[in-house]
Amino acid sequence: MIKPQSLRHALNKAVPYVRDNPDKLHLFVDAGAVVATGASSGSWEYRYTLNVVVVDFSGNQDLLMAPVLLWLGENQPDAINNPEKREKLFTFDVDILRNDLCDISINLQLTERVIVSASGNVSSVEAVPEPEQPEEMWTVHRG
């Protein structure tokens, strides 16, 4: 699975609190399933909930949610562009510890494709990135 580390990297880059406090970001893969495609190659798809927990967060929560949403646009475009799937794609819980401090738990419904191919007697296994989406879908308009 490559998406958990990809999201960790994106959050480290975009959220100073996460970058400066790496021990405050925890990632868990929950309710995972391997769904075989039925192809003779043995390819499959991972389906899981990525639970992202940021503890003792005291910043603007919007500045944490925005990079997650942008990351989803690149890494789970099939779900974010589907009105039925997007309703359950990104959920969260917040434990308010004090007026200025909280723990945030984000749940992301993710999939990852894995392609198995054979060349003679040698098989290779490769995680496949998401297909490219039209750029105009993720253009940020600044007013």
Protein backbone atom coordinates (compact mmCIF):
# COMPACT_ATOMS: atom_id res chain seq x y z
CA MET A 1 0.00 0.00 0.00
CA ILE A 2 1.41 3.33 -1.02
CA LYS A 3 -1.35 5.80 -0.15
CA PRO A 4 -0.76 6.03 3.62
CA GLN A 5 2.85 7.15 3.16
CA SER A 6 1.82 9.44 0.31
CA LEU A 7 -0.68 11.20 2.56
CA ARG A 8 1.87 11.43 5.38
CA HIS A 9 4.26 13.13 2.96
CA ALA A 10 1.54 15.55 1.77
CA LEU A 11 0.60 16.49 5.33
CA ASN A 12 4.24 16.98 6.33
CA LYS A 13 4.66 19.32 3.39
CA ALA A 14 1.45 21.30 3.87
CA VAL A 15 0.84 21.45 7.63
CA PRO A 16 3.61 23.01 9.77
CA TYR A 17 2.24 21.43 12.96
CA VAL A 18 2.54 17.94 11.47
CA ARG A 19 6.00 18.66 10.05
CA ASP A 20 7.25 20.07 13.36
CA ASN A 21 5.61 17.34 15.49
CA PRO A 22 5.92 14.05 13.57
CA ASP A 23 5.08 12.05 16.71
CA LYS A 24 1.62 13.68 16.74
CA LEU A 25 0.54 12.12 13.41
CA HIS A 26 -0.62 8.51 13.49
CA LEU A 27 -1.87 6.44 10.54
CA PHE A 28 -3.87 3.24 10.84
CA VAL A 29 -5.24 0.97 8.12
CA ASP A 30 -8.59 -0.37 9.33
CA ALA A 31 -11.17 -2.77 7.86
CA GLY A 32 -8.84 -3.79 5.04
CA ALA A 33 -9.88 -6.17 2.30
CA VAL A 34 -8.15 -7.65 -0.70
CA VAL A 35 -10.59 -7.94 -3.58
CA ALA A 36 -9.40 -10.16 -6.41
CA THR A 37 -10.29 -8.97 -9.88
CA GLY A 38 -10.88 -12.47 -11.16
CA ALA A 39 -8.20 -11.97 -13.80
CA SER A 40 -5.93 -14.93 -14.44
CA SER A 41 -2.97 -12.69 -13.59
CA GLY A 42 -3.87 -12.58 -9.89
CA SER A 43 -4.24 -8.79 -9.79
CA TRP A 44 -6.22 -7.31 -6.91
CA GLU A 45 -7.48 -4.16 -5.26
CA TYR A 46 -6.94 -3.09 -1.67
CA ARG A 47 -10.00 -1.54 -0.02
CA TYR A 48 -9.55 -0.03 3.42
CA THR A 49 -10.23 2.81 5.77
CA LEU A 50 -7.19 4.98 6.41
CA ASN A 51 -7.55 6.46 9.88
CA VAL A 52 -5.41 9.58 10.24
CA VAL A 53 -5.08 10.83 13.81
CA VAL A 54 -3.51 14.14 14.73
CA VAL A 55 -3.19 14.57 18.49
CA ASP A 56 -2.90 17.76 20.53
CA PHE A 57 -3.68 19.92 17.50
CA SER A 58 -4.00 23.61 18.26
CA GLY A 59 -4.05 25.13 14.79
CA ASN A 60 -6.77 26.04 12.34
CA GLN A 61 -8.55 22.78 11.50
CA ASP A 62 -9.31 24.06 8.00
CA LEU A 63 -5.58 24.10 7.28
CA LEU A 64 -5.45 20.40 8.09
CA MET A 65 -8.58 19.40 6.16
CA ALA A 66 -7.71 21.31 2.96
CA PRO A 67 -4.53 19.35 2.11
CA VAL A 68 -6.35 16.07 2.82
CA LEU A 69 -9.10 17.07 0.40
CA LEU A 70 -6.57 18.11 -2.26
CA TRP A 71 -4.70 14.83 -1.76
CA LEU A 72 -7.96 12.91 -2.24
CA GLY A 73 -8.54 14.76 -5.51
CA GLU A 74 -5.29 13.34 -6.83
CA ASN A 75 -5.31 9.96 -5.15
CA GLN A 76 -8.96 8.92 -5.05
CA PRO A 77 -10.54 10.85 -7.96
CA ASP A 78 -13.02 8.09 -8.78
CA ALA A 79 -14.67 8.53 -5.38
CA ILE A 80 -14.41 12.28 -4.97
CA ASN A 81 -16.03 12.80 -8.38
CA ASN A 82 -18.86 10.37 -7.65
CA PRO A 83 -21.74 12.02 -5.70
CA GLU A 84 -22.69 8.74 -4.02
CA LYS A 85 -19.17 7.73 -2.98
CA ARG A 86 -18.01 11.19 -1.89
CA GLU A 87 -20.61 11.25 0.91
CA LYS A 88 -18.68 8.52 2.77
CA LEU A 89 -15.17 9.16 1.40
CA PHE A 90 -13.96 11.62 4.07
CA THR A 91 -15.36 11.63 7.60
CA PHE A 92 -13.89 12.86 10.85
CA ASP A 93 -14.25 13.02 14.61
CA VAL A 94 -12.82 15.66 16.94
CA ASP A 95 -12.11 15.24 20.63
CA ILE A 96 -11.99 18.75 22.12
CA LEU A 97 -9.45 18.63 24.93
CA ARG A 98 -9.46 22.35 25.79
CA ASN A 99 -10.61 25.51 24.08
CA ASP A 100 -7.38 25.60 22.08
CA LEU A 101 -6.46 21.91 21.79
CA CYS A 102 -8.03 18.86 20.15
CA ASP A 103 -7.40 15.41 18.77
CA ILE A 104 -8.64 14.94 15.20
CA SER A 105 -9.43 11.55 13.69
CA ILE A 106 -9.97 11.48 9.92
CA ASN A 107 -11.32 8.40 8.14
CA LEU A 108 -10.73 8.02 4.42
CA GLN A 109 -12.27 5.22 2.33
CA LEU A 110 -9.47 4.28 -0.05
CA THR A 111 -8.72 1.78 -2.77
CA GLU A 112 -5.45 0.83 -4.45
CA ARG A 113 -4.98 -1.32 -7.52
CA VAL A 114 -2.19 -3.88 -7.70
CA ILE A 115 -1.32 -5.44 -11.05
CA VAL A 116 0.40 -8.79 -11.30
CA SER A 117 2.06 -9.50 -14.63
CA ALA A 118 4.12 -12.43 -15.82
CA SER A 119 6.98 -12.66 -18.25
CA GLY A 120 7.93 -16.28 -18.71
CA ASN A 121 8.39 -17.80 -15.27
CA VAL A 122 8.86 -14.44 -13.55
CA SER A 123 5.94 -12.53 -12.07
CA SER A 124 6.01 -8.90 -11.03
CA VAL A 125 3.71 -7.09 -8.66
CA GLU A 126 3.16 -3.34 -9.04
CA ALA A 127 0.94 -0.84 -7.26
CA VAL A 128 -0.73 1.23 -9.95
CA PRO A 129 -1.26 4.97 -9.45
CA GLU A 130 -4.65 6.53 -10.04
CA PRO A 131 -5.42 7.56 -13.62
CA GLU A 132 -4.93 11.20 -14.52
CA GLN A 133 -7.99 13.43 -14.15
CA PRO A 134 -8.80 16.49 -16.22
CA GLU A 135 -6.89 19.42 -14.71
CA GLU A 136 -9.83 21.82 -14.74
CA MET A 137 -11.51 19.76 -12.02
CA TRP A 138 -8.89 20.81 -9.46
CA THR A 139 -8.19 24.36 -10.49
CA VAL A 140 -8.27 26.65 -7.45
CA HIS A 141 -9.88 29.98 -8.12
CA ARG A 142 -8.59 32.84 -6.03
CA GLY A 143 -10.81 35.81 -5.61
